[in-house]
Amino acid sequence: MDFQEDLELFNQAMNNAYLLVTNRIDMKHIYKVLDKGIDNFSLPFDPTKHDGKSEDIIDMLIEHFVSTEEYEKCSELTKIKL
């Protein structure tokens, strides 16, 4: 993998985490994706151990979305954190 591919994978993991934390997708959806043979559904945490709604995960997501200037996502994540 090169830097650009790594960056795309990282951004995808953060977007996937956002979707999971905001309940736009659930574990059932993830299992369906994996069953279809899509092996690159990445997350920045292990979804079998927690749901990603911990303060440290949400802070990491907010920091990422601030850096990408996606402030609506930051706002929504901040509400979940409270």
C-alpha atoms as a PDB file:
ATOM      1  CA  MET A   1       0.000   0.000   0.000  1.00  0.00           C
ATOM      2  CA  ASP A   2       1.119   3.516  -0.645  1.00  0.00           C
ATOM      3  CA  PHE A   3       0.399   6.648   1.379  1.00  0.00           C
ATOM      4  CA  GLN A   4      -2.689   7.583  -0.666  1.00  0.00           C
ATOM      5  CA  GLU A   5      -4.223   4.127  -0.197  1.00  0.00           C
ATOM      6  CA  ASP A   6      -3.464   4.245   3.531  1.00  0.00           C
ATOM      7  CA  LEU A   7      -5.116   7.649   3.790  1.00  0.00           C
ATOM      8  CA  GLU A   8      -8.205   6.442   1.934  1.00  0.00           C
ATOM      9  CA  LEU A   9      -8.446   3.380   4.197  1.00  0.00           C
ATOM     10  CA  PHE A  10      -8.104   5.601   7.281  1.00  0.00           C
ATOM     11  CA  ASN A  11     -10.816   7.994   6.043  1.00  0.00           C
ATOM     12  CA  GLN A  12     -13.096   5.050   5.249  1.00  0.00           C
ATOM     13  CA  ALA A  13     -12.549   3.613   8.734  1.00  0.00           C
ATOM     14  CA  MET A  14     -13.469   6.948  10.289  1.00  0.00           C
ATOM     15  CA  ASN A  15     -16.589   7.248   8.130  1.00  0.00           C
ATOM     16  CA  ASN A  16     -17.595   3.683   8.976  1.00  0.00           C
ATOM     17  CA  ALA A  17     -17.145   4.460  12.674  1.00  0.00           C
ATOM     18  CA  TYR A  18     -19.260   7.590  12.315  1.00  0.00           C
ATOM     19  CA  LEU A  19     -22.043   5.555  10.695  1.00  0.00           C
ATOM     20  CA  LEU A  20     -21.903   2.945  13.444  1.00  0.00           C
ATOM     21  CA  VAL A  21     -21.714   5.414  16.345  1.00  0.00           C
ATOM     22  CA  THR A  22     -24.630   7.451  14.951  1.00  0.00           C
ATOM     23  CA  ASN A  23     -26.698   4.281  14.421  1.00  0.00           C
ATOM     24  CA  ARG A  24     -26.891   4.729  10.655  1.00  0.00           C
ATOM     25  CA  ILE A  25     -25.587   1.183  10.368  1.00  0.00           C
ATOM     26  CA  ASP A  26     -25.527  -1.642  12.885  1.00  0.00           C
ATOM     27  CA  MET A  27     -23.563  -4.828  13.408  1.00  0.00           C
ATOM     28  CA  LYS A  28     -26.034  -6.746  11.258  1.00  0.00           C
ATOM     29  CA  HIS A  29     -25.149  -4.462   8.340  1.00  0.00           C
ATOM     30  CA  ILE A  30     -21.438  -5.013   8.923  1.00  0.00           C
ATOM     31  CA  TYR A  31     -21.902  -8.787   8.921  1.00  0.00           C
ATOM     32  CA  LYS A  32     -23.887  -8.577   5.675  1.00  0.00           C
ATOM     33  CA  VAL A  33     -21.096  -6.555   4.053  1.00  0.00           C
ATOM     34  CA  LEU A  34     -18.498  -9.066   5.200  1.00  0.00           C
ATOM     35  CA  ASP A  35     -20.645 -11.996   4.041  1.00  0.00           C
ATOM     36  CA  LYS A  36     -20.679 -10.484   0.549  1.00  0.00           C
ATOM     37  CA  GLY A  37     -16.920 -10.904   0.447  1.00  0.00           C
ATOM     38  CA  ILE A  38     -16.026  -7.267   0.982  1.00  0.00           C
ATOM     39  CA  ASP A  39     -13.015  -7.694   3.193  1.00  0.00           C
ATOM     40  CA  ASN A  40     -12.010  -4.075   3.627  1.00  0.00           C
ATOM     41  CA  PHE A  41     -14.705  -2.832   5.999  1.00  0.00           C
ATOM     42  CA  SER A  42     -12.398  -1.133   8.446  1.00  0.00           C
ATOM     43  CA  LEU A  43     -13.047   0.523  11.773  1.00  0.00           C
ATOM     44  CA  PRO A  44     -10.700   2.297  14.186  1.00  0.00           C
ATOM     45  CA  PHE A  45     -11.901   0.023  17.012  1.00  0.00           C
ATOM     46  CA  ASP A  46     -12.965  -3.581  17.513  1.00  0.00           C
ATOM     47  CA  PRO A  47     -16.783  -3.643  17.193  1.00  0.00           C
ATOM     48  CA  THR A  48     -16.994  -6.999  18.968  1.00  0.00           C
ATOM     49  CA  LYS A  49     -15.622  -5.405  22.141  1.00  0.00           C
ATOM     50  CA  HIS A  50     -17.563  -2.114  22.231  1.00  0.00           C
ATOM     51  CA  ASP A  51     -19.930   0.022  20.190  1.00  0.00           C
ATOM     52  CA  GLY A  52     -17.545   2.935  19.614  1.00  0.00           C
ATOM     53  CA  LYS A  53     -19.525   5.311  21.781  1.00  0.00           C
ATOM     54  CA  SER A  54     -16.792   5.686  24.364  1.00  0.00           C
ATOM     55  CA  GLU A  55     -15.496   9.181  25.012  1.00  0.00           C
ATOM     56  CA  ASP A  56     -12.053   8.467  23.566  1.00  0.00           C
ATOM     57  CA  ILE A  57     -13.423   7.053  20.291  1.00  0.00           C
ATOM     58  CA  ILE A  58     -15.866   9.928  19.877  1.00  0.00           C
ATOM     59  CA  ASP A  59     -13.083  12.433  20.609  1.00  0.00           C
ATOM     60  CA  MET A  60     -10.922  10.770  17.945  1.00  0.00           C
ATOM     61  CA  LEU A  61     -13.785  10.969  15.432  1.00  0.00           C
ATOM     62  CA  ILE A  62     -14.472  14.619  16.248  1.00  0.00           C
ATOM     63  CA  GLU A  63     -10.795  15.466  15.823  1.00  0.00           C
ATOM     64  CA  HIS A  64     -10.760  13.714  12.446  1.00  0.00           C
ATOM     65  CA  PHE A  65     -13.887  15.438  11.181  1.00  0.00           C
ATOM     66  CA  VAL A  66     -12.650  18.842  12.368  1.00  0.00           C
ATOM     67  CA  SER A  67      -9.526  18.261  10.279  1.00  0.00           C
ATOM     68  CA  THR A  68     -11.683  17.435   7.243  1.00  0.00           C
ATOM     69  CA  GLU A  69     -14.008  20.370   7.998  1.00  0.00           C
ATOM     70  CA  GLU A  70     -17.101  18.152   8.349  1.00  0.00           C
ATOM     71  CA  TYR A  71     -18.609  20.173  11.166  1.00  0.00           C
ATOM     72  CA  GLU A  72     -22.122  18.704  10.958  1.00  0.00           C
ATOM     73  CA  LYS A  73     -20.639  15.323  11.855  1.00  0.00           C
ATOM     74  CA  CYS A  74     -18.716  16.932  14.722  1.00  0.00           C
ATOM     75  CA  SER A  75     -21.902  18.487  16.053  1.00  0.00           C
ATOM     76  CA  GLU A  76     -23.770  15.202  15.943  1.00  0.00           C
ATOM     77  CA  LEU A  77     -20.912  13.339  17.630  1.00  0.00           C
ATOM     78  CA  THR A  78     -20.702  15.993  20.345  1.00  0.00           C
ATOM     79  CA  LYS A  79     -24.411  15.496  21.122  1.00  0.00           C
ATOM     80  CA  ILE A  80     -23.873  11.730  21.414  1.00  0.00           C
ATOM     81  CA  LYS A  81     -20.915  12.300  23.724  1.00  0.00           C
ATOM     82  CA  LEU A  82     -22.998  14.436  26.131  1.00  0.00           C
END
